[in-house]
Amino acid sequence: MSSAQPIHRNGAFKPPLPSAQASQTAIPPPTRSPLLPTPLEALLLAIYPSTLLLGSLFSLLNPLARAAPYSADLQSHPPAFAPSYFARKKNLFNVFFVKIGWFWTTLAFLVFLLLHPSTGPPRSAVLTPRRVQAFVRYTIVTMWWVLVTQWFFGPGLVDRSFLWTGGQCQLVKTEEGRDSMSDTREFVTGAACKLAGGSWKGGHDISGHVFLLVLGSAFLWFEILPVVMRHAGLREQRLILHEDGTVKSAKAEVQIAKEKEGREEAEAEATGVSAPVIVAGLSWWMLLMTAAYFHTWFEKFTGLVVAFAGLYTVYFLPRAVPAMRSVVGMPGV
C-alpha cells in the first residue's frame, strides 16, 4: 500500500520537505587561480608602484626638486645642488641601511625565525620543518638578489642588461682608456669602471635601489603576513592546487599550523614581528626617497618588475605546483 501524500488544506499537493543533507547548499569551487594574490596581498603589492608614483610626482611638483639639475651619469642630483638631505647619495640612511640592505633584511628574518613560535620553539635553534622551508625561501630570494646585483656567471644582471642595451665604460672610447683596462675589466661592472676612473654611460640601468628595497621588504612582509592576519582575526584567503587537481583554500593547512603553535604565539607576537616591520617600514621610506630623487621612470619600473619576478616565483608559483610547494612550503603553514 502506497504511503499517503502530504496535502494542503485546500487540497493541493504539497511536496515533501527535503532532508537536511539534501538542503545543504553545495560550496562552489574557487574561481580565483592559486597563482593570483589574495586581495590583501594585492593591496600589499600595490603599495610599491604607488610609492614609486608618489615619489616621482613629488619630484615633478616640488619646486626645489624641479629646479635642481639632474645628472644622468650620477643617476641623481649633483651633491652641490641636492634639493634634500635624502637626495644625497652619502646620506646616513643610504650608506648604513640601503647599501647593506640585505644584511638588515637577513637580520630581521632571523629574528622572526628564531623568536616567533609560528616557526618553532622560541629562542631555540631547533630545525623544525617550517624553519627549514622558511630558510629555503630565504635562500632562493637571496640567490635572486645575488644574480641580479652581484654575480650571474660573471657580471650581475644589472650590469649585463646595461651592456646589452649599449652601455659601456666611458674609458673604453679612447685608446688610452683601452690600454689602461684589461678586456675583462672592460666588460665586468660599473664598479670596475668607476674604480678605473671612468663613468658608466649609454645603456639602461635597472635601479638596484628599487630592486633591493622592494625585494627585501616584500620578502619580510610575506613571511610575517599570515601571523599578522591571524592576530588581527582575518580570514585565510590563499588558494592552493592539490595533487588531485582540485583547488582549495589553504585554511586547513593553516589551522593545523595554528594548533601546533598554541597559546604561546600571543606572548611572542611583538618579539618576533617587530624587527621585520621596522626594516620593512624603513625600506618603504627609502623607496619613496629613491623614487623622488634618483633614477629615471623606466629604471625604477624595471627594478620593480625584476623584484616582483623573484617574489612571484617563491610565494605564488608554489601554490599551483604541489611538488615545488613540498620543498619551499608556504609562510604560516
Protein backbone atom coordinates (compact mmCIF):
# COMPACT_ATOMS: atom_id res chain seq x y z
CA MET A 1 0.00 0.00 0.00
CA SER A 2 1.44 3.32 -1.01
CA SER A 3 2.15 5.92 1.62
CA ALA A 4 -0.15 8.91 1.83
CA GLN A 5 0.99 12.06 0.09
CA PRO A 6 1.01 15.33 2.08
CA ILE A 7 -1.98 17.52 1.17
CA HIS A 8 -2.56 21.24 1.68
CA ARG A 9 -5.78 22.27 3.38
CA ASN A 10 -7.14 23.41 0.03
CA GLY A 11 -6.48 20.01 -1.46
CA ALA A 12 -3.38 20.93 -3.41
CA PHE A 13 -0.41 18.58 -3.42
CA LYS A 14 2.38 19.51 -1.01
CA PRO A 15 5.83 18.12 -1.90
CA PRO A 16 7.78 16.58 0.96
CA LEU A 17 10.35 18.73 2.70
CA PRO A 18 13.92 17.94 1.62
CA SER A 19 16.16 16.20 4.08
CA ALA A 20 18.79 18.16 5.96
CA GLN A 21 21.52 16.61 3.83
CA ALA A 22 19.78 17.47 0.57
CA SER A 23 19.06 21.02 1.71
CA GLN A 24 22.72 21.83 2.24
CA THR A 25 23.94 24.14 -0.47
CA ALA A 26 27.00 22.85 -2.26
CA ILE A 27 30.05 25.07 -1.78
CA PRO A 28 31.05 26.42 -5.19
CA PRO A 29 34.63 25.74 -6.24
CA PRO A 30 37.04 28.70 -6.05
CA THR A 31 37.03 30.85 -9.15
CA ARG A 32 40.35 32.61 -8.49
CA SER A 33 43.55 30.99 -9.68
CA PRO A 34 46.06 29.93 -6.99
CA LEU A 35 48.64 31.88 -8.99
CA LEU A 36 46.89 35.17 -8.23
CA PRO A 37 47.38 37.14 -4.99
CA THR A 38 44.65 37.44 -2.39
CA PRO A 39 43.00 40.87 -2.03
CA LEU A 40 45.24 41.64 0.97
CA GLU A 41 48.36 40.53 -0.91
CA ALA A 42 47.33 42.58 -3.94
CA LEU A 43 46.93 45.61 -1.67
CA LEU A 44 50.37 44.99 -0.21
CA LEU A 45 51.98 44.66 -3.64
CA ALA A 46 50.17 47.77 -4.89
CA ILE A 47 51.96 49.84 -2.24
CA TYR A 48 55.22 49.56 -4.21
CA PRO A 49 54.18 51.00 -7.60
CA SER A 50 52.06 53.55 -5.73
CA THR A 51 55.13 54.63 -3.76
CA LEU A 52 57.16 55.00 -6.94
CA LEU A 53 54.37 57.05 -8.48
CA LEU A 54 54.06 59.23 -5.39
CA GLY A 55 57.80 59.90 -5.25
CA SER A 56 58.00 60.68 -8.94
CA LEU A 57 55.07 63.09 -8.72
CA PHE A 58 56.72 64.80 -5.76
CA SER A 59 59.90 65.33 -7.80
CA LEU A 60 57.80 66.95 -10.53
CA LEU A 61 55.68 69.15 -8.25
CA ASN A 62 58.21 70.18 -5.61
CA PRO A 63 59.83 73.48 -6.66
CA LEU A 64 63.23 72.63 -5.16
CA ALA A 65 63.41 69.19 -6.78
CA ARG A 66 62.18 70.54 -10.10
CA ALA A 67 64.73 73.37 -10.13
CA ALA A 68 67.72 71.24 -9.15
CA PRO A 69 69.79 69.89 -12.10
CA TYR A 70 69.78 66.12 -12.60
CA SER A 71 72.83 64.15 -13.74
CA ALA A 72 72.10 61.07 -15.84
CA ASP A 73 75.64 59.85 -15.20
CA LEU A 74 75.23 60.06 -11.42
CA GLN A 75 71.59 58.97 -11.63
CA SER A 76 70.87 61.66 -9.06
CA HIS A 77 71.13 65.37 -8.43
CA PRO A 78 74.74 66.61 -8.12
CA PRO A 79 75.60 66.88 -4.39
CA ALA A 80 76.07 70.65 -4.59
CA PHE A 81 72.51 71.08 -5.90
CA ALA A 82 70.74 68.33 -3.93
CA PRO A 83 67.26 69.60 -3.02
CA SER A 84 67.12 67.48 0.15
CA TYR A 85 69.36 65.62 2.57
CA PHE A 86 67.87 62.38 1.24
CA ALA A 87 68.77 63.42 -2.31
CA ARG A 88 72.45 62.96 -1.47
CA LYS A 89 73.94 59.51 -2.03
CA LYS A 90 76.06 59.91 1.09
CA ASN A 91 73.15 60.44 3.48
CA LEU A 92 73.45 58.16 6.51
CA PHE A 93 70.33 56.14 5.70
CA ASN A 94 71.66 55.32 2.24
CA VAL A 95 75.18 54.49 3.44
CA PHE A 96 74.32 52.45 6.53
CA PHE A 97 70.95 50.99 5.57
CA VAL A 98 70.37 50.73 1.83
CA LYS A 99 73.97 49.96 0.82
CA ILE A 100 73.97 46.99 3.20
CA GLY A 101 70.24 46.39 2.89
CA TRP A 102 70.45 42.62 2.57
CA PHE A 103 72.27 42.43 5.90
CA TRP A 104 69.35 44.16 7.65
CA THR A 105 66.84 42.01 5.76
CA THR A 106 68.67 38.86 6.83
CA LEU A 107 68.93 40.02 10.44
CA ALA A 108 65.22 40.84 10.65
CA PHE A 109 64.32 37.49 9.09
CA LEU A 110 66.49 35.57 11.56
CA VAL A 111 64.93 37.43 14.49
CA PHE A 112 61.48 36.35 13.31
CA LEU A 113 62.62 32.82 12.52
CA LEU A 114 64.20 32.24 15.94
CA LEU A 115 61.84 34.19 18.21
CA HIS A 116 58.35 33.64 16.85
CA PRO A 117 56.63 30.35 17.81
CA SER A 118 54.94 30.03 14.43
CA THR A 119 58.23 28.65 13.10
CA GLY A 120 59.40 26.61 16.08
CA PRO A 121 60.39 26.80 19.77
CA PRO A 122 61.27 30.46 20.54
CA ARG A 123 64.91 31.28 21.32
CA SER A 124 65.95 27.84 20.19
CA ALA A 125 67.88 26.72 17.11
CA VAL A 126 65.77 23.57 16.70
CA LEU A 127 65.31 22.82 12.99
CA THR A 128 61.56 22.39 12.56
CA PRO A 129 60.08 21.72 9.09
CA ARG A 130 58.66 25.24 8.97
CA ARG A 131 62.04 26.76 9.79
CA VAL A 132 63.76 24.66 7.16
CA GLN A 133 61.24 25.66 4.48
CA ALA A 134 61.41 29.33 5.52
CA PHE A 135 65.19 29.18 5.17
CA VAL A 136 64.79 27.57 1.73
CA ARG A 137 62.61 30.52 0.69
CA TYR A 138 65.17 32.95 2.10
CA THR A 139 67.95 31.15 0.20
CA ILE A 140 66.07 31.37 -3.12
CA VAL A 141 65.30 35.07 -2.64
CA THR A 142 68.92 35.72 -1.64
CA MET A 143 70.14 33.87 -4.75
CA TRP A 144 67.91 36.11 -6.85
CA TRP A 145 69.42 39.18 -5.18
CA VAL A 146 72.94 37.85 -5.88
CA LEU A 147 72.18 37.01 -9.52
CA VAL A 148 70.67 40.39 -10.21
CA THR A 149 73.09 42.66 -8.37
CA GLN A 150 76.30 40.73 -7.70
CA TRP A 151 77.10 37.79 -9.94
CA PHE A 152 75.45 36.00 -12.86
CA PHE A 153 78.24 33.77 -14.21
CA GLY A 154 80.24 36.97 -14.34
CA PRO A 155 78.60 40.40 -14.04
CA GLY A 156 75.20 40.58 -12.34
CA LEU A 157 72.05 41.04 -14.41
CA VAL A 158 72.02 44.78 -13.66
CA ASP A 159 75.44 45.24 -15.29
CA ARG A 160 74.73 42.74 -18.06
CA SER A 161 71.49 44.48 -19.02
CA PHE A 162 73.33 47.79 -19.11
CA LEU A 163 75.89 46.37 -21.53
CA TRP A 164 73.26 44.53 -23.59
CA THR A 165 71.42 47.83 -24.15
CA GLY A 166 74.51 49.60 -25.49
CA GLY A 167 76.13 50.89 -22.32
CA GLN A 168 79.86 50.93 -21.73
CA CYS A 169 82.56 52.47 -19.62
CA GLN A 170 83.48 55.88 -20.98
CA LEU A 171 87.16 54.99 -20.75
CA VAL A 172 86.89 52.38 -23.50
CA LYS A 173 86.01 55.09 -26.00
CA THR A 174 89.62 56.23 -26.04
CA GLU A 175 92.81 54.32 -26.87
CA GLU A 176 94.33 55.37 -23.53
CA GLY A 177 91.32 54.00 -21.76
CA ARG A 178 91.51 50.71 -23.63
CA ASP A 179 95.18 50.37 -22.78
CA SER A 180 94.55 51.03 -19.08
CA MET A 181 91.80 48.40 -18.80
CA SER A 182 92.02 44.68 -19.44
CA ASP A 183 89.40 43.04 -21.66
CA THR A 184 87.83 41.51 -18.54
CA ARG A 185 87.54 44.77 -16.63
CA GLU A 186 86.26 46.43 -19.77
CA PHE A 187 83.28 44.10 -19.62
CA VAL A 188 82.75 43.44 -15.95
CA THR A 189 80.85 46.00 -13.86
CA GLY A 190 80.02 49.63 -13.32
CA ALA A 191 82.01 49.45 -10.08
CA ALA A 192 85.13 48.36 -12.00
CA CYS A 193 84.59 51.20 -14.46
CA LYS A 194 84.37 53.80 -11.69
CA LEU A 195 87.40 52.28 -9.98
CA ALA A 196 89.36 52.85 -13.20
CA GLY A 197 88.27 56.49 -13.24
CA GLY A 198 85.60 56.09 -15.92
CA SER A 199 81.83 56.60 -15.98
CA TRP A 200 79.11 54.07 -16.77
CA LYS A 201 77.18 55.52 -19.74
CA GLY A 202 74.85 54.73 -22.59
CA GLY A 203 72.68 51.77 -21.57
CA HIS A 204 69.63 51.07 -19.48
CA ASP A 205 70.44 50.81 -15.78
CA ILE A 206 67.94 48.78 -13.74
CA SER A 207 67.50 50.58 -10.43
CA GLY A 208 69.35 48.43 -7.92
CA HIS A 209 67.96 50.50 -5.04
CA VAL A 210 64.36 49.89 -6.09
CA PHE A 211 65.07 46.21 -6.67
CA LEU A 212 66.71 45.73 -3.27
CA LEU A 213 64.19 47.74 -1.25
CA VAL A 214 61.17 46.07 -2.85
CA LEU A 215 62.59 42.55 -2.76
CA GLY A 216 63.80 42.75 0.84
CA SER A 217 60.77 44.43 2.38
CA ALA A 218 58.19 42.36 0.47
CA PHE A 219 60.07 39.18 1.41
CA LEU A 220 59.73 40.13 5.09
CA TRP A 221 56.07 41.07 4.69
CA PHE A 222 55.16 37.79 3.01
CA GLU A 223 56.90 35.83 5.77
CA ILE A 224 55.08 37.56 8.63
CA LEU A 225 51.75 38.26 6.88
CA PRO A 226 49.99 35.01 7.97
CA VAL A 227 50.95 35.71 11.59
CA VAL A 228 49.67 39.30 11.38
CA MET A 229 46.43 38.11 9.75
CA ARG A 230 45.73 35.55 12.47
CA HIS A 231 46.50 38.08 15.18
CA ALA A 232 44.03 40.51 13.55
CA GLY A 233 41.40 37.78 13.09
CA LEU A 234 41.45 37.98 9.30
CA ARG A 235 40.32 35.04 7.18
CA GLU A 236 42.81 32.91 5.23
CA GLN A 237 42.26 33.54 1.51
CA ARG A 238 45.19 31.81 -0.17
CA LEU A 239 44.29 29.03 -2.62
CA ILE A 240 46.42 26.00 -3.44
CA LEU A 241 46.31 23.35 -6.14
CA HIS A 242 46.35 19.80 -4.77
CA GLU A 243 47.88 16.79 -6.44
CA ASP A 244 44.41 15.52 -7.41
CA GLY A 245 43.87 18.68 -9.46
CA THR A 246 41.42 20.36 -7.09
CA VAL A 247 41.84 23.95 -5.96
CA LYS A 248 41.08 24.53 -2.30
CA SER A 249 41.70 27.07 0.41
CA ALA A 250 44.90 26.83 2.42
CA LYS A 251 42.79 27.24 5.56
CA ALA A 252 43.06 23.58 6.61
CA GLU A 253 46.85 23.63 6.43
CA VAL A 254 46.98 26.93 8.31
CA GLN A 255 44.64 25.58 11.01
CA ILE A 256 46.99 22.65 11.62
CA ALA A 257 49.89 25.08 11.99
CA LYS A 258 47.85 27.27 14.35
CA GLU A 259 47.00 24.34 16.60
CA LYS A 260 50.69 23.45 16.81
CA GLU A 261 51.57 26.99 17.83
CA GLY A 262 49.14 27.03 20.77
CA ARG A 263 48.73 29.94 23.15
CA GLU A 264 52.43 30.77 23.17
CA GLU A 265 52.12 32.79 19.95
CA ALA A 266 50.29 35.71 21.55
CA GLU A 267 53.06 36.20 24.11
CA ALA A 268 55.81 36.40 21.48
CA GLU A 269 53.89 38.34 18.83
CA ALA A 270 55.77 41.61 19.21
CA THR A 271 59.11 39.96 19.95
CA GLY A 272 59.31 38.12 16.65
CA VAL A 273 57.50 40.51 14.32
CA SER A 274 58.78 43.93 15.36
CA ALA A 275 62.18 43.62 13.64
CA PRO A 276 60.76 42.73 10.18
CA VAL A 277 58.17 45.52 10.48
CA ILE A 278 60.84 48.11 11.36
CA VAL A 279 63.13 47.07 8.49
CA ALA A 280 60.21 46.92 6.02
CA GLY A 281 58.97 50.33 7.18
CA LEU A 282 62.38 51.98 6.78
CA SER A 283 62.72 50.28 3.38
CA TRP A 284 59.44 51.87 2.31
CA TRP A 285 60.69 55.31 3.33
CA MET A 286 63.93 54.90 1.41
CA LEU A 287 61.99 53.58 -1.59
CA LEU A 288 59.98 56.80 -1.51
CA MET A 289 63.20 58.85 -1.36
CA THR A 290 64.65 56.84 -4.24
CA ALA A 291 61.51 57.46 -6.27
CA ALA A 292 61.70 61.19 -5.56
CA TYR A 293 65.39 61.86 -6.15
CA PHE A 294 67.11 59.02 -8.02
CA HIS A 295 66.90 57.24 -11.38
CA THR A 296 64.54 57.71 -14.31
CA TRP A 297 60.97 56.43 -14.51
CA PHE A 298 61.87 53.41 -16.61
CA GLU A 299 64.87 52.47 -14.47
CA LYS A 300 62.67 52.43 -11.38
CA PHE A 301 59.96 50.47 -13.19
CA THR A 302 62.36 47.73 -14.32
CA GLY A 303 63.79 47.48 -10.80
CA LEU A 304 60.25 46.89 -9.54
CA VAL A 305 59.47 44.27 -12.20
CA VAL A 306 62.67 42.30 -11.57
CA ALA A 307 61.96 42.27 -7.82
CA PHE A 308 58.36 41.12 -8.39
CA ALA A 309 59.62 38.30 -10.63
CA GLY A 310 61.63 36.82 -7.76
CA LEU A 311 58.78 37.24 -5.27
CA TYR A 312 56.26 35.62 -7.60
CA THR A 313 58.50 32.57 -8.07
CA VAL A 314 58.82 31.99 -4.32
CA TYR A 315 55.40 32.98 -2.97
CA PHE A 316 52.85 32.39 -5.74
CA LEU A 317 54.14 29.76 -8.16
CA PRO A 318 54.38 27.01 -5.46
CA ARG A 319 50.65 27.37 -4.74
CA ALA A 320 49.94 25.85 -8.16
CA VAL A 321 52.86 23.40 -8.19
CA PRO A 322 52.48 20.81 -5.38
CA ALA A 323 55.97 19.36 -5.91
CA MET A 324 57.53 22.82 -5.56
CA ARG A 325 55.33 23.62 -2.56
CA SER A 326 56.55 20.49 -0.77
CA VAL A 327 60.07 21.94 -0.89
CA VAL A 328 59.64 25.68 -0.27
CA GLY A 329 56.40 25.46 1.71
CA MET A 330 54.16 28.45 2.43
CA PRO A 331 54.54 31.01 5.22
CA GLY A 332 52.34 30.13 8.19
CA VAL A 333 51.79 26.53 7.03
